[in-house]
Protein backbone atom coordinates (compact mmCIF):
# COMPACT_ATOMS: atom_id res chain seq x y z
CA MET A 1 -15.70 -232.64 54.72
CA ALA A 2 -16.56 -233.32 58.23
CA GLU A 3 -18.12 -236.83 59.26
CA ASN A 4 -21.30 -235.09 60.37
CA GLY A 5 -22.14 -233.94 56.93
CA ASP A 6 -21.03 -230.12 57.58
CA ARG A 7 -19.44 -228.90 54.36
CA ASP A 8 -18.15 -225.63 56.04
CA GLU A 9 -14.16 -226.57 56.31
CA LYS A 10 -13.75 -223.80 59.38
CA HIS A 11 -15.58 -226.29 61.43
CA SER A 12 -14.07 -229.31 59.92
CA THR A 13 -11.43 -231.47 62.14
CA PRO A 14 -8.92 -234.01 61.41
CA PRO A 15 -10.56 -237.49 61.10
CA SER A 16 -9.88 -239.56 63.93
CA PRO A 17 -7.72 -242.57 63.70
CA PRO A 18 -9.89 -245.72 63.19
CA PRO A 19 -10.62 -247.93 66.22
CA PRO A 20 -8.57 -251.02 66.71
CA PRO A 21 -9.99 -254.26 64.89
CA SER A 22 -13.24 -255.30 66.93
CA TYR A 23 -15.32 -258.38 66.62
CA LYS A 24 -18.49 -256.10 67.44
CA SER A 25 -17.74 -254.43 64.35
CA ILE A 26 -17.98 -257.34 62.23
CA TYR A 27 -21.26 -258.32 64.20
CA PRO A 28 -22.84 -254.98 65.33
CA GLU A 29 -25.51 -255.35 68.51
CA MET A 30 -29.06 -255.37 67.57
CA PRO A 31 -31.19 -253.63 69.86
CA GLU A 32 -33.76 -254.86 71.60
CA LYS A 33 -36.95 -253.50 70.60
CA VAL A 34 -40.23 -253.17 72.09
CA SER A 35 -43.34 -253.27 70.56
CA ASN A 36 -46.71 -251.61 70.83
CA LYS A 37 -48.44 -254.81 71.03
CA LEU A 38 -49.21 -256.24 74.33
CA ASP A 39 -48.34 -260.34 75.09
CA LYS A 40 -51.50 -262.02 75.26
CA ILE A 41 -50.35 -263.94 78.28
CA ASN A 42 -49.10 -261.20 80.84
CA GLY A 43 -50.52 -258.21 79.06
CA LYS A 44 -47.31 -256.54 79.20
CA PRO A 45 -45.67 -255.08 75.99
CA GLU A 46 -44.18 -257.61 73.83
CA ILE A 47 -40.46 -257.13 73.58
CA SER A 48 -39.12 -258.79 69.81
CA ARG A 49 -35.78 -260.20 71.79
CA VAL A 50 -36.15 -263.90 70.22
CA PHE A 51 -36.84 -262.47 66.92
CA GLY A 52 -34.04 -260.36 67.36
CA SER A 53 -31.10 -260.34 69.78
CA ASP A 54 -31.71 -264.09 70.40
CA ILE A 55 -31.79 -265.37 67.08
CA SER A 56 -29.13 -262.96 65.62
CA LEU A 57 -26.56 -264.22 68.38
CA ILE A 58 -27.35 -267.76 67.64
CA ILE A 59 -26.89 -267.16 63.99
CA LYS A 60 -23.45 -265.62 64.53
CA ALA A 61 -22.33 -268.63 66.79
CA ALA A 62 -23.28 -270.67 63.91
CA ASP A 63 -21.67 -268.30 61.42
CA LEU A 64 -18.23 -268.41 63.58
CA ALA A 65 -18.54 -271.82 64.23
CA ALA A 66 -18.92 -272.64 60.53
CA ARG A 67 -15.85 -270.39 59.65
CA ARG A 68 -13.46 -271.47 62.16
CA HIS A 69 -14.20 -275.63 61.77
CA ARG A 70 -13.91 -274.88 58.00
CA GLN A 71 -10.89 -276.86 57.19
CA GLN A 72 -11.69 -279.77 59.95
CA ARG A 73 -13.66 -282.97 59.26
CA ARG A 74 -14.88 -285.35 61.39
CA LYS A 75 -13.04 -288.98 61.47
CA ASP A 76 -15.81 -290.99 59.80
CA ALA A 77 -15.82 -292.22 55.95
CA MET A 78 -17.44 -289.66 54.69
CA GLN A 79 -15.13 -287.21 56.17
CA THR A 80 -18.15 -285.04 57.25
CA PRO A 81 -17.69 -281.20 57.92
CA TYR A 82 -16.77 -281.06 61.55
CA VAL A 83 -19.21 -278.21 62.59
CA ASN A 84 -22.05 -280.63 61.67
CA HIS A 85 -21.20 -282.07 65.54
CA PRO A 86 -21.64 -278.72 67.36
CA ILE A 87 -24.63 -277.50 65.37
CA GLY A 88 -25.92 -281.40 66.01
CA VAL A 89 -25.17 -281.07 69.42
CA ALA A 90 -27.34 -277.85 69.89
CA TYR A 91 -30.11 -279.46 67.89
CA ILE A 92 -30.24 -282.60 70.18
CA LEU A 93 -30.78 -279.97 73.44
CA THR A 94 -33.48 -277.71 71.32
CA ASN A 95 -35.27 -280.46 69.71
CA GLU A 96 -35.13 -283.51 71.92
CA GLY A 97 -34.34 -281.84 75.01
CA GLN A 98 -36.66 -278.64 74.45
CA ILE A 99 -33.91 -276.37 75.72
CA THR A 100 -34.64 -272.74 75.02
CA ASP A 101 -32.27 -271.15 76.90
CA THR A 102 -29.94 -269.13 74.58
CA ALA A 103 -26.67 -269.36 76.53
CA THR A 104 -26.80 -273.09 76.54
CA ILE A 105 -27.81 -273.13 72.89
CA ILE A 106 -24.86 -270.71 71.68
CA ALA A 107 -22.27 -272.38 74.12
CA ALA A 108 -23.49 -275.99 72.63
CA ILE A 109 -22.72 -274.65 69.34
CA LEU A 110 -19.28 -273.18 70.24
CA HIS A 111 -18.19 -275.84 72.89
CA ASP A 112 -15.40 -277.22 70.67
CA ILE A 113 -14.18 -273.84 68.98
CA VAL A 114 -11.61 -272.68 71.62
CA GLU A 115 -10.29 -276.40 71.95
CA ASP A 116 -10.01 -277.24 68.34
CA THR A 117 -9.35 -273.47 66.25
CA LYS A 118 -7.11 -270.53 67.23
CA THR A 119 -10.28 -268.97 68.78
CA SER A 120 -9.72 -267.33 72.29
CA ASP A 121 -11.90 -267.26 75.12
CA GLU A 122 -11.35 -263.46 74.93
CA GLU A 123 -12.94 -263.30 71.32
CA ILE A 124 -15.87 -265.61 72.87
CA ARG A 125 -16.57 -262.89 75.71
CA GLU A 126 -16.39 -260.09 73.67
CA MET A 127 -18.81 -261.55 70.94
CA PHE A 128 -21.18 -263.22 73.53
CA GLY A 129 -20.68 -262.53 77.11
CA ASP A 130 -19.18 -264.08 79.89
CA GLU A 131 -22.11 -266.49 80.75
CA VAL A 132 -21.32 -267.96 77.18
CA ALA A 133 -17.90 -267.87 77.61
CA ASP A 134 -17.33 -269.65 81.05
CA ILE A 135 -19.82 -272.47 79.50
CA VAL A 136 -17.62 -273.13 76.59
CA LYS A 137 -14.43 -272.97 79.02
CA GLU A 138 -15.96 -275.69 81.18
CA CYS A 139 -16.23 -277.74 78.09
CA THR A 140 -13.06 -277.19 76.85
CA VAL A 141 -10.09 -280.05 77.45
CA ILE A 142 -6.37 -279.56 76.83
CA LYS A 143 -5.89 -280.36 73.34
CA SER A 144 -1.97 -281.89 73.57
CA MET A 145 -3.40 -284.54 76.43
CA LYS A 146 -3.42 -288.42 75.18
CA ARG A 147 -6.47 -289.85 75.19
CA GLN A 148 -6.48 -291.65 78.53
CA GLU A 149 -5.62 -288.38 79.96
CA ARG A 150 -8.52 -286.55 78.31
CA ILE A 151 -10.73 -289.06 79.53
CA LYS A 152 -9.72 -288.96 83.11
CA SER A 153 -9.60 -284.94 83.34
CA GLU A 154 -13.09 -284.67 81.66
CA LEU A 155 -14.44 -287.45 84.39
CA GLU A 156 -12.93 -285.24 87.16
CA LYS A 157 -14.17 -281.85 86.09
CA ALA A 158 -17.84 -283.38 85.76
CA PRO A 159 -19.17 -283.04 89.09
CA LYS A 160 -18.04 -279.55 89.30
CA LEU A 161 -19.51 -278.30 86.06
CA SER A 162 -22.62 -275.90 85.97
CA HIS A 163 -26.24 -277.16 85.00
CA LYS A 164 -25.77 -275.83 81.72
CA ALA A 165 -22.21 -277.00 80.84
CA LYS A 166 -23.68 -280.60 81.95
CA LEU A 167 -26.52 -280.08 79.20
CA VAL A 168 -23.75 -279.70 76.59
CA GLN A 169 -21.84 -282.55 77.82
CA LEU A 170 -24.89 -284.74 77.57
CA ALA A 171 -25.79 -283.69 74.25
CA ASP A 172 -22.14 -283.97 73.05
CA LYS A 173 -21.96 -287.72 74.45
CA LEU A 174 -25.27 -288.25 72.74
CA TYR A 175 -24.34 -287.02 69.59
CA ASN A 176 -21.08 -288.84 69.54
CA VAL A 177 -22.27 -292.11 70.74
CA ARG A 178 -24.82 -292.23 67.54
CA ASP A 179 -22.20 -291.30 65.50
CA ILE A 180 -20.09 -293.90 66.67
CA GLU A 181 -23.18 -296.22 65.91
CA ARG A 182 -23.90 -294.58 62.42
CA CYS A 183 -20.13 -294.48 61.09
CA VAL A 184 -16.97 -295.83 63.51
CA PRO A 185 -14.14 -293.39 62.96
CA LEU A 186 -11.32 -294.32 60.45
CA GLY A 187 -8.79 -295.89 62.58
CA TRP A 188 -10.35 -296.99 65.48
CA THR A 189 -10.38 -300.36 66.86
CA LYS A 190 -13.13 -302.03 68.66
CA GLN A 191 -11.28 -301.65 71.79
CA GLN A 192 -11.44 -297.67 71.13
CA VAL A 193 -15.13 -297.84 70.28
CA LYS A 194 -15.61 -299.51 73.68
CA GLU A 195 -13.69 -297.17 75.46
CA TYR A 196 -15.29 -294.16 74.35
CA ILE A 197 -18.95 -295.66 75.14
CA LEU A 198 -18.05 -296.50 78.41
CA PHE A 199 -16.46 -293.02 79.27
CA ALA A 200 -19.88 -291.78 77.96
CA LYS A 201 -21.37 -294.04 80.27
CA ASP A 202 -19.03 -292.92 83.03
CA LEU A 203 -19.93 -289.36 82.55
CA LEU A 204 -23.67 -290.33 82.50
CA SER A 205 -23.12 -291.48 85.85
CA ILE A 206 -21.69 -288.22 87.50
CA ILE A 207 -23.76 -285.74 85.62
CA ARG A 208 -27.25 -287.98 85.79
CA GLY A 209 -30.46 -286.19 87.49
CA ILE A 210 -30.00 -282.87 84.74
CA HIS A 211 -32.48 -284.33 82.16
CA GLY A 212 -34.62 -287.09 82.09
CA PRO A 213 -35.20 -287.73 78.48
CA LEU A 214 -31.63 -287.02 76.97
CA GLU A 215 -30.30 -289.36 79.72
CA ILE A 216 -32.80 -291.86 78.74
CA ALA A 217 -31.79 -291.42 75.29
CA LEU A 218 -28.39 -291.59 76.19
CA ASP A 219 -28.30 -294.61 78.15
CA ASP A 220 -30.37 -296.71 75.46
CA ILE A 221 -27.88 -296.32 72.77
CA ILE A 222 -24.98 -297.12 75.14
CA ASN A 223 -26.45 -300.30 76.15
CA LYS A 224 -27.37 -301.18 72.47
CA ASN A 225 -23.94 -300.77 71.43
CA ILE A 226 -21.78 -301.68 74.36
CA LYS A 227 -20.44 -305.14 74.26
């Protein structure tokens, strides 16, 4: 039977070979739907993009992060699932930062996925587009670097980051310093804790001026824990 449902075998053709695997086949595109209702503010037709494409993409990012980070744990005593971290970074941006930009939120969820898993930049571009992939790339450091090299690299890159990448970095450091305060990573010395907090302080001094409330929150917890 032909794929179009025609039962006349005279008009049937051999089936086409299956297309190569695509991440888009796992996550089919959700079309943007225009409502018949008018927006109460601007009088234009409502677009269900927030409840359609945007939220769908954010959930897709969370699902991908959960699957790709599934074998990883944080370094705390409870061995918290690693995915709690990128989700927490996105939550800081949306809850405390009141950030609603979809690309920034998705990039926050995925900011460690290329660095810490086998996920490629090409996959991120195919699934979420160039803007998200570019932000994630800005937040990615070479995993093989030693601690001090990584710190130096991040501080050197910081002034050149896009505004959205700076927001992700700000929320990332806020989450990490709070996490250190909650439970020092296993095996970390007091000196390592101090080094990380000073690193967060140095990074903040470089990117300061992008988001007052989040900067104040990071300032407060740094000053509380620096010794």
